[in-house]
Amino acid sequence: MSWRHVAATVLLCAGCSLQVLAVLGLVVMRNAYDRLHYLGLAGYGALLIAVAIVVRESFSLIGDKSLMTGAVLALFGPVLAHTTARSLRAREHGDWRARIERHRERERS
């Protein structure tokens, strides 16, 4: 058993553990806003799985694609969470800035 095999196994287990925690968080949380916090965790789990594939397979076609997929998920996960939260807020309140402006006016007075 080589060091690459051990490192890939450890990274794969860590990535899968993060994915399981993200799914459990999505299932347990009651509010959609609380569920969004676990979306970013899934992106980092995917990145760890991608790094495990690169460690195991080296930089090849499959390794490069997995690394790119993991990086895209980790980088754009927070953007997706922010956009989803803004969309939910707009659906609840009409305009996503509506209650923010009222709150700022109360703070000034």
PDB file of N, CA and C in Angstrom:
ATOM      1  N   MET A   1       0.843  -1.167   0.000  1.00  0.00           N
ATOM      2  CA  MET A   1       0.000   0.000   0.000  1.00  0.00           C
ATOM      3  C   MET A   1       0.896   1.242   0.000  1.00  0.00           C
ATOM      4  N   SER A   2       0.681   2.108  -0.967  1.00  0.00           N
ATOM      5  CA  SER A   2       1.526   3.285  -1.114  1.00  0.00           C
ATOM      6  C   SER A   2       0.933   4.470  -0.341  1.00  0.00           C
ATOM      7  N   TRP A   3       1.731   5.509  -0.215  1.00  0.00           N
ATOM      8  CA  TRP A   3       1.289   6.699   0.488  1.00  0.00           C
ATOM      9  C   TRP A   3       0.162   7.388  -0.280  1.00  0.00           C
ATOM     10  N   ARG A   4       0.180   7.260  -1.617  1.00  0.00           N
ATOM     11  CA  ARG A   4      -0.869   7.871  -2.430  1.00  0.00           C
ATOM     12  C   ARG A   4      -2.222   7.222  -2.151  1.00  0.00           C
ATOM     13  N   HIS A   5      -2.195   5.913  -2.002  1.00  0.00           N
ATOM     14  CA  HIS A   5      -3.437   5.191  -1.728  1.00  0.00           C
ATOM     15  C   HIS A   5      -3.994   5.583  -0.356  1.00  0.00           C
ATOM     16  N   VAL A   6      -3.125   5.701   0.626  1.00  0.00           N
ATOM     17  CA  VAL A   6      -3.561   6.086   1.974  1.00  0.00           C
ATOM     18  C   VAL A   6      -4.084   7.520   1.979  1.00  0.00           C
ATOM     19  N   ALA A   7      -3.362   8.431   1.327  1.00  0.00           N
ATOM     20  CA  ALA A   7      -3.793   9.827   1.287  1.00  0.00           C
ATOM     21  C   ALA A   7      -5.121   9.975   0.549  1.00  0.00           C
ATOM     22  N   ALA A   8      -5.277   9.251  -0.554  1.00  0.00           N
ATOM     23  CA  ALA A   8      -6.528   9.315  -1.306  1.00  0.00           C
ATOM     24  C   ALA A   8      -7.691   8.767  -0.483  1.00  0.00           C
ATOM     25  N   THR A   9      -7.444   7.707   0.257  1.00  0.00           N
ATOM     26  CA  THR A   9      -8.495   7.129   1.090  1.00  0.00           C
ATOM     27  C   THR A   9      -8.905   8.087   2.204  1.00  0.00           C
ATOM     28  N   VAL A  10      -7.934   8.730   2.836  1.00  0.00           N
ATOM     29  CA  VAL A  10      -8.230   9.691   3.910  1.00  0.00           C
ATOM     30  C   VAL A  10      -9.016  10.879   3.358  1.00  0.00           C
ATOM     31  N   LEU A  11      -8.585  11.409   2.214  1.00  0.00           N
ATOM     32  CA  LEU A  11      -9.297  12.539   1.612  1.00  0.00           C
ATOM     33  C   LEU A  11     -10.707  12.147   1.180  1.00  0.00           C
ATOM     34  N   LEU A  12     -10.845  10.950   0.637  1.00  0.00           N
ATOM     35  CA  LEU A  12     -12.160  10.486   0.224  1.00  0.00           C
ATOM     36  C   LEU A  12     -13.096  10.315   1.413  1.00  0.00           C
ATOM     37  N   CYS A  13     -12.588   9.766   2.494  1.00  0.00           N
ATOM     38  CA  CYS A  13     -13.406   9.612   3.703  1.00  0.00           C
ATOM     39  C   CYS A  13     -13.796  10.969   4.287  1.00  0.00           C
ATOM     40  N   ALA A  14     -12.864  11.917   4.281  1.00  0.00           N
ATOM     41  CA  ALA A  14     -13.168  13.260   4.787  1.00  0.00           C
ATOM     42  C   ALA A  14     -14.217  13.946   3.916  1.00  0.00           C
ATOM     43  N   GLY A  15     -14.075  13.821   2.597  1.00  0.00           N
ATOM     44  CA  GLY A  15     -15.050  14.424   1.688  1.00  0.00           C
ATOM     45  C   GLY A  15     -16.427  13.806   1.827  1.00  0.00           C
ATOM     46  N   CYS A  16     -16.474  12.487   1.936  1.00  0.00           N
ATOM     47  CA  CYS A  16     -17.763  11.806   2.110  1.00  0.00           C
ATOM     48  C   CYS A  16     -18.395  12.161   3.456  1.00  0.00           C
ATOM     49  N   SER A  17     -17.573  12.329   4.485  1.00  0.00           N
ATOM     50  CA  SER A  17     -18.102  12.731   5.788  1.00  0.00           C
ATOM     51  C   SER A  17     -18.723  14.119   5.729  1.00  0.00           C
ATOM     52  N   LEU A  18     -18.064  15.037   5.007  1.00  0.00           N
ATOM     53  CA  LEU A  18     -18.636  16.374   4.849  1.00  0.00           C
ATOM     54  C   LEU A  18     -19.944  16.330   4.072  1.00  0.00           C
ATOM     55  N   GLN A  19     -20.003  15.479   3.061  1.00  0.00           N
ATOM     56  CA  GLN A  19     -21.232  15.350   2.292  1.00  0.00           C
ATOM     57  C   GLN A  19     -22.375  14.816   3.161  1.00  0.00           C
ATOM     58  N   VAL A  20     -22.071  13.823   3.985  1.00  0.00           N
ATOM     59  CA  VAL A  20     -23.093  13.256   4.872  1.00  0.00           C
ATOM     60  C   VAL A  20     -23.560  14.299   5.891  1.00  0.00           C
ATOM     61  N   LEU A  21     -22.617  15.069   6.440  1.00  0.00           N
ATOM     62  CA  LEU A  21     -22.998  16.133   7.376  1.00  0.00           C
ATOM     63  C   LEU A  21     -23.869  17.187   6.701  1.00  0.00           C
ATOM     64  N   ALA A  22     -23.551  17.515   5.451  1.00  0.00           N
ATOM     65  CA  ALA A  22     -24.349  18.496   4.719  1.00  0.00           C
ATOM     66  C   ALA A  22     -25.767  17.982   4.486  1.00  0.00           C
ATOM     67  N   VAL A  23     -25.891  16.726   4.122  1.00  0.00           N
ATOM     68  CA  VAL A  23     -27.225  16.159   3.900  1.00  0.00           C
ATOM     69  C   VAL A  23     -28.006  16.092   5.210  1.00  0.00           C
ATOM     70  N   LEU A  24     -27.353  15.691   6.286  1.00  0.00           N
ATOM     71  CA  LEU A  24     -28.033  15.658   7.587  1.00  0.00           C
ATOM     72  C   LEU A  24     -28.478  17.051   8.013  1.00  0.00           C
ATOM     73  N   GLY A  25     -27.648  18.047   7.756  1.00  0.00           N
ATOM     74  CA  GLY A  25     -28.021  19.417   8.076  1.00  0.00           C
ATOM     75  C   GLY A  25     -29.222  19.883   7.275  1.00  0.00           C
ATOM     76  N   LEU A  26     -29.267  19.499   6.001  1.00  0.00           N
ATOM     77  CA  LEU A  26     -30.408  19.872   5.175  1.00  0.00           C
ATOM     78  C   LEU A  26     -31.697  19.201   5.644  1.00  0.00           C
ATOM     79  N   VAL A  27     -31.570  17.973   6.116  1.00  0.00           N
ATOM     80  CA  VAL A  27     -32.753  17.231   6.555  1.00  0.00           C
ATOM     81  C   VAL A  27     -33.238  17.727   7.920  1.00  0.00           C
ATOM     82  N   VAL A  28     -32.323  18.046   8.820  1.00  0.00           N
ATOM     83  CA  VAL A  28     -32.678  18.387  10.195  1.00  0.00           C
ATOM     84  C   VAL A  28     -33.205  19.821  10.317  1.00  0.00           C
ATOM     85  N   MET A  29     -32.646  20.754   9.591  1.00  0.00           N
ATOM     86  CA  MET A  29     -33.039  22.152   9.735  1.00  0.00           C
ATOM     87  C   MET A  29     -34.466  22.376   9.254  1.00  0.00           C
ATOM     88  N   ARG A  30     -35.187  23.234   9.941  1.00  0.00           N
ATOM     89  CA  ARG A  30     -36.595  23.477   9.628  1.00  0.00           C
ATOM     90  C   ARG A  30     -36.782  24.599   8.619  1.00  0.00           C
ATOM     91  N   ASN A  31     -35.965  25.616   8.725  1.00  0.00           N
ATOM     92  CA  ASN A  31     -36.122  26.823   7.929  1.00  0.00           C
ATOM     93  C   ASN A  31     -35.263  26.739   6.671  1.00  0.00           C
ATOM     94  N   ALA A  32     -35.735  27.296   5.574  1.00  0.00           N
ATOM     95  CA  ALA A  32     -34.965  27.283   4.329  1.00  0.00           C
ATOM     96  C   ALA A  32     -33.677  28.091   4.472  1.00  0.00           C
ATOM     97  N   TYR A  33     -33.716  29.159   5.247  1.00  0.00           N
ATOM     98  CA  TYR A  33     -32.517  29.970   5.453  1.00  0.00           C
ATOM     99  C   TYR A  33     -31.457  29.196   6.243  1.00  0.00           C
ATOM    100  N   ASP A  34     -31.889  28.413   7.211  1.00  0.00           N
ATOM    101  CA  ASP A  34     -30.946  27.589   7.966  1.00  0.00           C
ATOM    102  C   ASP A  34     -30.351  26.490   7.089  1.00  0.00           C
ATOM    103  N   ARG A  35     -31.148  25.962   6.191  1.00  0.00           N
ATOM    104  CA  ARG A  35     -30.665  24.914   5.288  1.00  0.00           C
ATOM    105  C   ARG A  35     -29.600  25.425   4.340  1.00  0.00           C
ATOM    106  N   LEU A  36     -29.661  26.689   3.999  1.00  0.00           N
ATOM    107  CA  LEU A  36     -28.686  27.257   3.062  1.00  0.00           C
ATOM    108  C   LEU A  36     -27.262  27.239   3.619  1.00  0.00           C
ATOM    109  N   HIS A  37     -27.115  27.251   4.924  1.00  0.00           N
ATOM    110  CA  HIS A  37     -25.785  27.228   5.514  1.00  0.00           C
ATOM    111  C   HIS A  37     -25.045  25.926   5.211  1.00  0.00           C
ATOM    112  N   TYR A  38     -25.782  24.868   5.012  1.00  0.00           N
ATOM    113  CA  TYR A  38     -25.161  23.580   4.752  1.00  0.00           C
ATOM    114  C   TYR A  38     -24.840  23.368   3.277  1.00  0.00           C
ATOM    115  N   LEU A  39     -25.269  24.272   2.433  1.00  0.00           N
ATOM    116  CA  LEU A  39     -24.979  24.173   1.013  1.00  0.00           C
ATOM    117  C   LEU A  39     -23.482  24.348   0.741  1.00  0.00           C
ATOM    118  N   GLY A  40     -22.850  25.266   1.423  1.00  0.00           N
ATOM    119  CA  GLY A  40     -21.417  25.491   1.244  1.00  0.00           C
ATOM    120  C   GLY A  40     -20.578  24.316   1.706  1.00  0.00           C
ATOM    121  N   LEU A  41     -21.044  23.631   2.710  1.00  0.00           N
ATOM    122  CA  LEU A  41     -20.331  22.460   3.220  1.00  0.00           C
ATOM    123  C   LEU A  41     -20.246  21.364   2.168  1.00  0.00           C
ATOM    124  N   ALA A  42     -21.289  21.210   1.388  1.00  0.00           N
ATOM    125  CA  ALA A  42     -21.293  20.195   0.331  1.00  0.00           C
ATOM    126  C   ALA A  42     -20.266  20.518  -0.742  1.00  0.00           C
ATOM    127  N   GLY A  43     -20.039  21.792  -1.007  1.00  0.00           N
ATOM    128  CA  GLY A  43     -19.035  22.187  -2.003  1.00  0.00           C
ATOM    129  C   GLY A  43     -17.629  21.817  -1.568  1.00  0.00           C
ATOM    130  N   TYR A  44     -17.334  22.001  -0.293  1.00  0.00           N
ATOM    131  CA  TYR A  44     -16.005  21.638   0.199  1.00  0.00           C
ATOM    132  C   TYR A  44     -15.821  20.128   0.273  1.00  0.00           C
ATOM    133  N   GLY A  45     -16.897  19.411   0.528  1.00  0.00           N
ATOM    134  CA  GLY A  45     -16.825  17.947   0.477  1.00  0.00           C
ATOM    135  C   GLY A  45     -16.513  17.463  -0.921  1.00  0.00           C
ATOM    136  N   ALA A  46     -17.149  18.082  -1.911  1.00  0.00           N
ATOM    137  CA  ALA A  46     -16.870  17.724  -3.313  1.00  0.00           C
ATOM    138  C   ALA A  46     -15.429  18.059  -3.681  1.00  0.00           C
ATOM    139  N   LEU A  47     -14.905  19.160  -3.156  1.00  0.00           N
ATOM    140  CA  LEU A  47     -13.514  19.513  -3.433  1.00  0.00           C
ATOM    141  C   LEU A  47     -12.554  18.491  -2.830  1.00  0.00           C
ATOM    142  N   LEU A  48     -12.832  18.023  -1.625  1.00  0.00           N
ATOM    143  CA  LEU A  48     -11.980  16.993  -1.015  1.00  0.00           C
ATOM    144  C   LEU A  48     -12.035  15.679  -1.803  1.00  0.00           C
ATOM    145  N   ILE A  49     -13.200  15.327  -2.291  1.00  0.00           N
ATOM    146  CA  ILE A  49     -13.315  14.127  -3.119  1.00  0.00           C
ATOM    147  C   ILE A  49     -12.538  14.297  -4.413  1.00  0.00           C
ATOM    148  N   ALA A  50     -12.588  15.477  -5.004  1.00  0.00           N
ATOM    149  CA  ALA A  50     -11.833  15.745  -6.230  1.00  0.00           C
ATOM    150  C   ALA A  50     -10.327  15.671  -5.991  1.00  0.00           C
ATOM    151  N   VAL A  51      -9.876  16.194  -4.866  1.00  0.00           N
ATOM    152  CA  VAL A  51      -8.446  16.118  -4.546  1.00  0.00           C
ATOM    153  C   VAL A  51      -8.035  14.660  -4.323  1.00  0.00           C
ATOM    154  N   ALA A  52      -8.921  13.871  -3.736  1.00  0.00           N
ATOM    155  CA  ALA A  52      -8.628  12.447  -3.561  1.00  0.00           C
ATOM    156  C   ALA A  52      -8.471  11.756  -4.906  1.00  0.00           C
ATOM    157  N   ILE A  53      -9.283  12.125  -5.873  1.00  0.00           N
ATOM    158  CA  ILE A  53      -9.158  11.539  -7.212  1.00  0.00           C
ATOM    159  C   ILE A  53      -7.853  11.954  -7.858  1.00  0.00           C
ATOM    160  N   VAL A  54      -7.456  13.212  -7.682  1.00  0.00           N
ATOM    161  CA  VAL A  54      -6.187  13.678  -8.263  1.00  0.00           C
ATOM    162  C   VAL A  54      -5.005  12.976  -7.606  1.00  0.00           C
ATOM    163  N   VAL A  55      -5.061  12.786  -6.297  1.00  0.00           N
ATOM    164  CA  VAL A  55      -3.970  12.077  -5.611  1.00  0.00           C
ATOM    165  C   VAL A  55      -3.873  10.639  -6.113  1.00  0.00           C
ATOM    166  N   ARG A  56      -5.004  10.021  -6.316  1.00  0.00           N
ATOM    167  CA  ARG A  56      -5.019   8.618  -6.756  1.00  0.00           C
ATOM    168  C   ARG A  56      -4.654   8.470  -8.232  1.00  0.00           C
ATOM    169  N   GLU A  57      -5.229   9.306  -9.098  1.00  0.00           N
ATOM    170  CA  GLU A  57      -5.069   9.155 -10.539  1.00  0.00           C
ATOM    171  C   GLU A  57      -4.017  10.084 -11.135  1.00  0.00           C
ATOM    172  N   SER A  58      -3.490  11.002 -10.373  1.00  0.00           N
ATOM    173  CA  SER A  58      -2.529  11.998 -10.825  1.00  0.00           C
ATOM    174  C   SER A  58      -3.229  12.988 -11.761  1.00  0.00           C
ATOM    175  N   PHE A  59      -2.455  13.889 -12.335  1.00  0.00           N
ATOM    176  CA  PHE A  59      -3.034  14.867 -13.253  1.00  0.00           C
ATOM    177  C   PHE A  59      -3.217  14.211 -14.604  1.00  0.00           C
ATOM    178  N   SER A  60      -4.415  13.765 -14.835  1.00  0.00           N
ATOM    179  CA  SER A  60      -4.792  13.150 -16.102  1.00  0.00           C
ATOM    180  C   SER A  60      -6.119  13.750 -16.508  1.00  0.00           C
ATOM    181  N   LEU A  61      -6.729  13.207 -17.519  1.00  0.00           N
ATOM    182  CA  LEU A  61      -8.009  13.743 -17.958  1.00  0.00           C
ATOM    183  C   LEU A  61      -9.053  13.631 -16.854  1.00  0.00           C
ATOM    184  N   ILE A  62      -9.103  12.500 -16.207  1.00  0.00           N
ATOM    185  CA  ILE A  62     -10.088  12.294 -15.141  1.00  0.00           C
ATOM    186  C   ILE A  62      -9.745  13.128 -13.900  1.00  0.00           C
ATOM    187  N   GLY A  63      -8.465  13.249 -13.575  1.00  0.00           N
ATOM    188  CA  GLY A  63      -8.050  14.051 -12.427  1.00  0.00           C
ATOM    189  C   GLY A  63      -8.311  15.525 -12.628  1.00  0.00           C
ATOM    190  N   ASP A  64      -8.024  16.011 -13.844  1.00  0.00           N
ATOM    191  CA  ASP A  64      -8.257  17.419 -14.129  1.00  0.00           C
ATOM    192  C   ASP A  64      -9.736  17.768 -14.099  1.00  0.00           C
ATOM    193  N   LYS A  65     -10.561  16.904 -14.662  1.00  0.00           N
ATOM    194  CA  LYS A  65     -12.003  17.165 -14.656  1.00  0.00           C
ATOM    195  C   LYS A  65     -12.572  17.144 -13.242  1.00  0.00           C
ATOM    196  N   SER A  66     -12.113  16.216 -12.441  1.00  0.00           N
ATOM    197  CA  SER A  66     -12.618  16.164 -11.064  1.00  0.00           C
ATOM    198  C   SER A  66     -12.171  17.390 -10.270  1.00  0.00           C
ATOM    199  N   LEU A  67     -10.937  17.812 -10.468  1.00  0.00           N
ATOM    200  CA  LEU A  67     -10.445  18.992  -9.765  1.00  0.00           C
ATOM    201  C   LEU A  67     -11.199  20.249 -10.188  1.00  0.00           C
ATOM    202  N   MET A  68     -11.474  20.369 -11.478  1.00  0.00           N
ATOM    203  CA  MET A  68     -12.235  21.526 -11.962  1.00  0.00           C
ATOM    204  C   MET A  68     -13.667  21.511 -11.417  1.00  0.00           C
ATOM    205  N   THR A  69     -14.286  20.347 -11.399  1.00  0.00           N
ATOM    206  CA  THR A  69     -15.647  20.236 -10.864  1.00  0.00           C
ATOM    207  C   THR A  69     -15.683  20.586  -9.379  1.00  0.00           C
ATOM    208  N   GLY A  70     -14.733  20.069  -8.608  1.00  0.00           N
ATOM    209  CA  GLY A  70     -14.679  20.381  -7.186  1.00  0.00           C
ATOM    210  C   GLY A  70     -14.432  21.853  -6.928  1.00  0.00           C
ATOM    211  N   ALA A  71     -13.549  22.460  -7.717  1.00  0.00           N
ATOM    212  CA  ALA A  71     -13.258  23.884  -7.548  1.00  0.00           C
ATOM    213  C   ALA A  71     -14.473  24.745  -7.882  1.00  0.00           C
ATOM    214  N   VAL A  72     -15.181  24.397  -8.948  1.00  0.00           N
ATOM    215  CA  VAL A  72     -16.381  25.155  -9.318  1.00  0.00           C
ATOM    216  C   VAL A  72     -17.443  25.048  -8.230  1.00  0.00           C
ATOM    217  N   LEU A  73     -17.637  23.849  -7.690  1.00  0.00           N
ATOM    218  CA  LEU A  73     -18.631  23.681  -6.624  1.00  0.00           C
ATOM    219  C   LEU A  73     -18.240  24.436  -5.359  1.00  0.00           C
ATOM    220  N   ALA A  74     -16.966  24.426  -5.010  1.00  0.00           N
ATOM    221  CA  ALA A  74     -16.521  25.125  -3.805  1.00  0.00           C
ATOM    222  C   ALA A  74     -16.568  26.643  -3.974  1.00  0.00           C
ATOM    223  N   LEU A  75     -16.261  27.129  -5.179  1.00  0.00           N
ATOM    224  CA  LEU A  75     -16.241  28.574  -5.406  1.00  0.00           C
ATOM    225  C   LEU A  75     -17.631  29.166  -5.591  1.00  0.00           C
ATOM    226  N   PHE A  76     -18.493  28.459  -6.300  1.00  0.00           N
ATOM    227  CA  PHE A  76     -19.804  29.015  -6.615  1.00  0.00           C
ATOM    228  C   PHE A  76     -20.902  28.574  -5.661  1.00  0.00           C
ATOM    229  N   GLY A  77     -20.590  27.730  -4.692  1.00  0.00           N
ATOM    230  CA  GLY A  77     -21.573  27.348  -3.676  1.00  0.00           C
ATOM    231  C   GLY A  77     -22.060  28.535  -2.860  1.00  0.00           C
ATOM    232  N   PRO A  78     -21.156  29.391  -2.363  1.00  0.00           N
ATOM    233  CA  PRO A  78     -21.616  30.574  -1.625  1.00  0.00           C
ATOM    234  C   PRO A  78     -22.412  31.556  -2.486  1.00  0.00           C
ATOM    235  N   VAL A  79     -22.055  31.673  -3.758  1.00  0.00           N
ATOM    236  CA  VAL A  79     -22.807  32.550  -4.660  1.00  0.00           C
ATOM    237  C   VAL A  79     -24.223  32.010  -4.843  1.00  0.00           C
ATOM    238  N   LEU A  80     -24.334  30.704  -5.011  1.00  0.00           N
ATOM    239  CA  LEU A  80     -25.646  30.084  -5.154  1.00  0.00           C
ATOM    240  C   LEU A  80     -26.474  30.240  -3.884  1.00  0.00           C
ATOM    241  N   ALA A  81     -25.846  30.095  -2.732  1.00  0.00           N
ATOM    242  CA  ALA A  81     -26.568  30.262  -1.457  1.00  0.00           C
ATOM    243  C   ALA A  81     -27.062  31.698  -1.303  1.00  0.00           C
ATOM    244  N   HIS A  82     -26.230  32.673  -1.648  1.00  0.00           N
ATOM    245  CA  HIS A  82     -26.621  34.075  -1.536  1.00  0.00           C
ATOM    246  C   HIS A  82     -27.769  34.404  -2.490  1.00  0.00           C
ATOM    247  N   THR A  83     -27.682  33.904  -3.705  1.00  0.00           N
ATOM    248  CA  THR A  83     -28.730  34.156  -4.686  1.00  0.00           C
ATOM    249  C   THR A  83     -30.046  33.510  -4.267  1.00  0.00           C
ATOM    250  N   THR A  84     -29.957  32.312  -3.726  1.00  0.00           N
ATOM    251  CA  THR A  84     -31.164  31.632  -3.262  1.00  0.00           C
ATOM    252  C   THR A  84     -31.785  32.364  -2.084  1.00  0.00           C
ATOM    253  N   ALA A  85     -30.970  32.844  -1.156  1.00  0.00           N
ATOM    254  CA  ALA A  85     -31.489  33.592  -0.005  1.00  0.00           C
ATOM    255  C   ALA A  85     -32.147  34.892  -0.451  1.00  0.00           C
ATOM    256  N   ARG A  86     -31.539  35.554  -1.409  1.00  0.00           N
ATOM    257  CA  ARG A  86     -32.133  36.790  -1.914  1.00  0.00           C
ATOM    258  C   ARG A  86     -33.461  36.506  -2.610  1.00  0.00           C
ATOM    259  N   SER A  87     -33.524  35.424  -3.353  1.00  0.00           N
ATOM    260  CA  SER A  87     -34.759  35.040  -4.028  1.00  0.00           C
ATOM    261  C   SER A  87     -35.859  34.691  -3.023  1.00  0.00           C
ATOM    262  N   LEU A  88     -35.500  33.963  -1.966  1.00  0.00           N
ATOM    263  CA  LEU A  88     -36.481  33.637  -0.927  1.00  0.00           C
ATOM    264  C   LEU A  88     -36.994  34.898  -0.234  1.00  0.00           C
ATOM    265  N   ARG A  89     -36.090  35.809   0.035  1.00  0.00           N
ATOM    266  CA  ARG A  89     -36.491  37.060   0.702  1.00  0.00           C
ATOM    267  C   ARG A  89     -37.398  37.883  -0.203  1.00  0.00           C
ATOM    268  N   ALA A  90     -37.104  37.925  -1.489  1.00  0.00           N
ATOM    269  CA  ALA A  90     -37.953  38.668  -2.421  1.00  0.00           C
ATOM    270  C   ALA A  90     -39.325  38.023  -2.534  1.00  0.00           C
ATOM    271  N   ARG A  91     -39.367  36.720  -2.454  1.00  0.00           N
ATOM    272  CA  ARG A  91     -40.656  36.032  -2.525  1.00  0.00           C
ATOM    273  C   ARG A  91     -41.502  36.289  -1.279  1.00  0.00           C
ATOM    274  N   GLU A  92     -40.858  36.392  -0.134  1.00  0.00           N
ATOM    275  CA  GLU A  92     -41.595  36.626   1.113  1.00  0.00           C
ATOM    276  C   GLU A  92     -42.044  38.068   1.279  1.00  0.00           C
ATOM    277  N   HIS A  93     -41.185  39.012   0.878  1.00  0.00           N
ATOM    278  CA  HIS A  93     -41.443  40.424   1.188  1.00  0.00           C
ATOM    279  C   HIS A  93     -41.674  41.291  -0.042  1.00  0.00           C
ATOM    280  N   GLY A  94     -41.722  40.728  -1.207  1.00  0.00           N
ATOM    281  CA  GLY A  94     -41.907  41.520  -2.420  1.00  0.00           C
ATOM    282  C   GLY A  94     -40.580  42.016  -2.950  1.00  0.00           C
ATOM    283  N   ASP A  95     -39.970  42.943  -2.272  1.00  0.00           N
ATOM    284  CA  ASP A  95     -38.656  43.456  -2.656  1.00  0.00           C
ATOM    285  C   ASP A  95     -37.670  43.059  -1.569  1.00  0.00           C
ATOM    286  N   TRP A  96     -36.527  42.571  -1.942  1.00  0.00           N
ATOM    287  CA  TRP A  96     -35.583  42.084  -0.937  1.00  0.00           C
ATOM    288  C   TRP A  96     -35.006  43.207  -0.090  1.00  0.00           C
ATOM    289  N   ARG A  97     -35.143  44.449  -0.536  1.00  0.00           N
ATOM    290  CA  ARG A  97     -34.622  45.573   0.236  1.00  0.00           C
ATOM    291  C   ARG A  97     -35.679  46.232   1.109  1.00  0.00           C
ATOM    292  N   ALA A  98     -36.925  45.784   1.031  1.00  0.00           N
ATOM    293  CA  ALA A  98     -38.040  46.476   1.685  1.00  0.00           C
ATOM    294  C   ALA A  98     -37.854  46.598   3.191  1.00  0.00           C
ATOM    295  N   ARG A  99     -37.630  45.521   3.856  1.00  0.00           N
ATOM    296  CA  ARG A  99     -37.512  45.568   5.317  1.00  0.00           C
ATOM    297  C   ARG A  99     -36.172  46.144   5.749  1.00  0.00           C
ATOM    298  N   ILE A 100     -35.166  46.072   4.912  1.00  0.00           N
ATOM    299  CA  ILE A 100     -33.858  46.639   5.246  1.00  0.00           C
ATOM    300  C   ILE A 100     -33.968  48.154   5.360  1.00  0.00           C
ATOM    301  N   GLU A 101     -34.669  48.775   4.417  1.00  0.00           N
ATOM    302  CA  GLU A 101     -34.833  50.231   4.450  1.00  0.00           C
ATOM    303  C   GLU A 101     -35.612  50.668   5.691  1.00  0.00           C
ATOM    304  N   ARG A 102     -36.663  49.934   6.042  1.00  0.00           N
ATOM    305  CA  ARG A 102     -37.424  50.273   7.244  1.00  0.00           C
ATOM    306  C   ARG A 102     -36.573  50.115   8.496  1.00  0.00           C
ATOM    307  N   HIS A 103     -35.733  49.099   8.520  1.00  0.00           N
ATOM    308  CA  HIS A 103     -34.859  48.886   9.670  1.00  0.00           C
ATOM    309  C   HIS A 103     -33.826  50.006   9.789  1.00  0.00           C
ATOM    310  N   ARG A 104     -33.287  50.458   8.680  1.00  0.00           N
ATOM    311  CA  ARG A 104     -32.308  51.554   8.700  1.00  0.00           C
ATOM    312  C   ARG A 104     -32.958  52.859   9.161  1.00  0.00           C
ATOM    313  N   GLU A 105     -34.195  53.080   8.756  1.00  0.00           N
ATOM    314  CA  GLU A 105     -34.895  54.295   9.183  1.00  0.00           C
ATOM    315  C   GLU A 105     -35.137  54.275  10.686  1.00  0.00           C
ATOM    316  N   ARG A 106     -35.462  53.107  11.238  1.00  0.00           N
ATOM    317  CA  ARG A 106     -35.660  52.999  12.682  1.00  0.00           C
ATOM    318  C   ARG A 106     -34.351  53.224  13.439  1.00  0.00           C
ATOM    319  N   GLU A 107     -33.244  52.770  12.889  1.00  0.00           N
ATOM    320  CA  GLU A 107     -31.948  52.963  13.561  1.00  0.00           C
ATOM    321  C   GLU A 107     -31.546  54.424  13.585  1.00  0.00           C
ATOM    322  N   ARG A 108     -31.869  55.161  12.544  1.00  0.00           N
ATOM    323  CA  ARG A 108     -31.498  56.574  12.482  1.00  0.00           C
ATOM    324  C   ARG A 108     -32.291  57.414  13.467  1.00  0.00           C
ATOM    325  N   SER A 109     -33.529  57.025  13.742  1.00  0.00           N
ATOM    326  CA  SER A 109     -34.340  57.852  14.639  1.00  0.00           C
ATOM    327  C   SER A 109     -34.182  57.485  16.083  1.00  0.00           C
TER     328      SER A 109
END
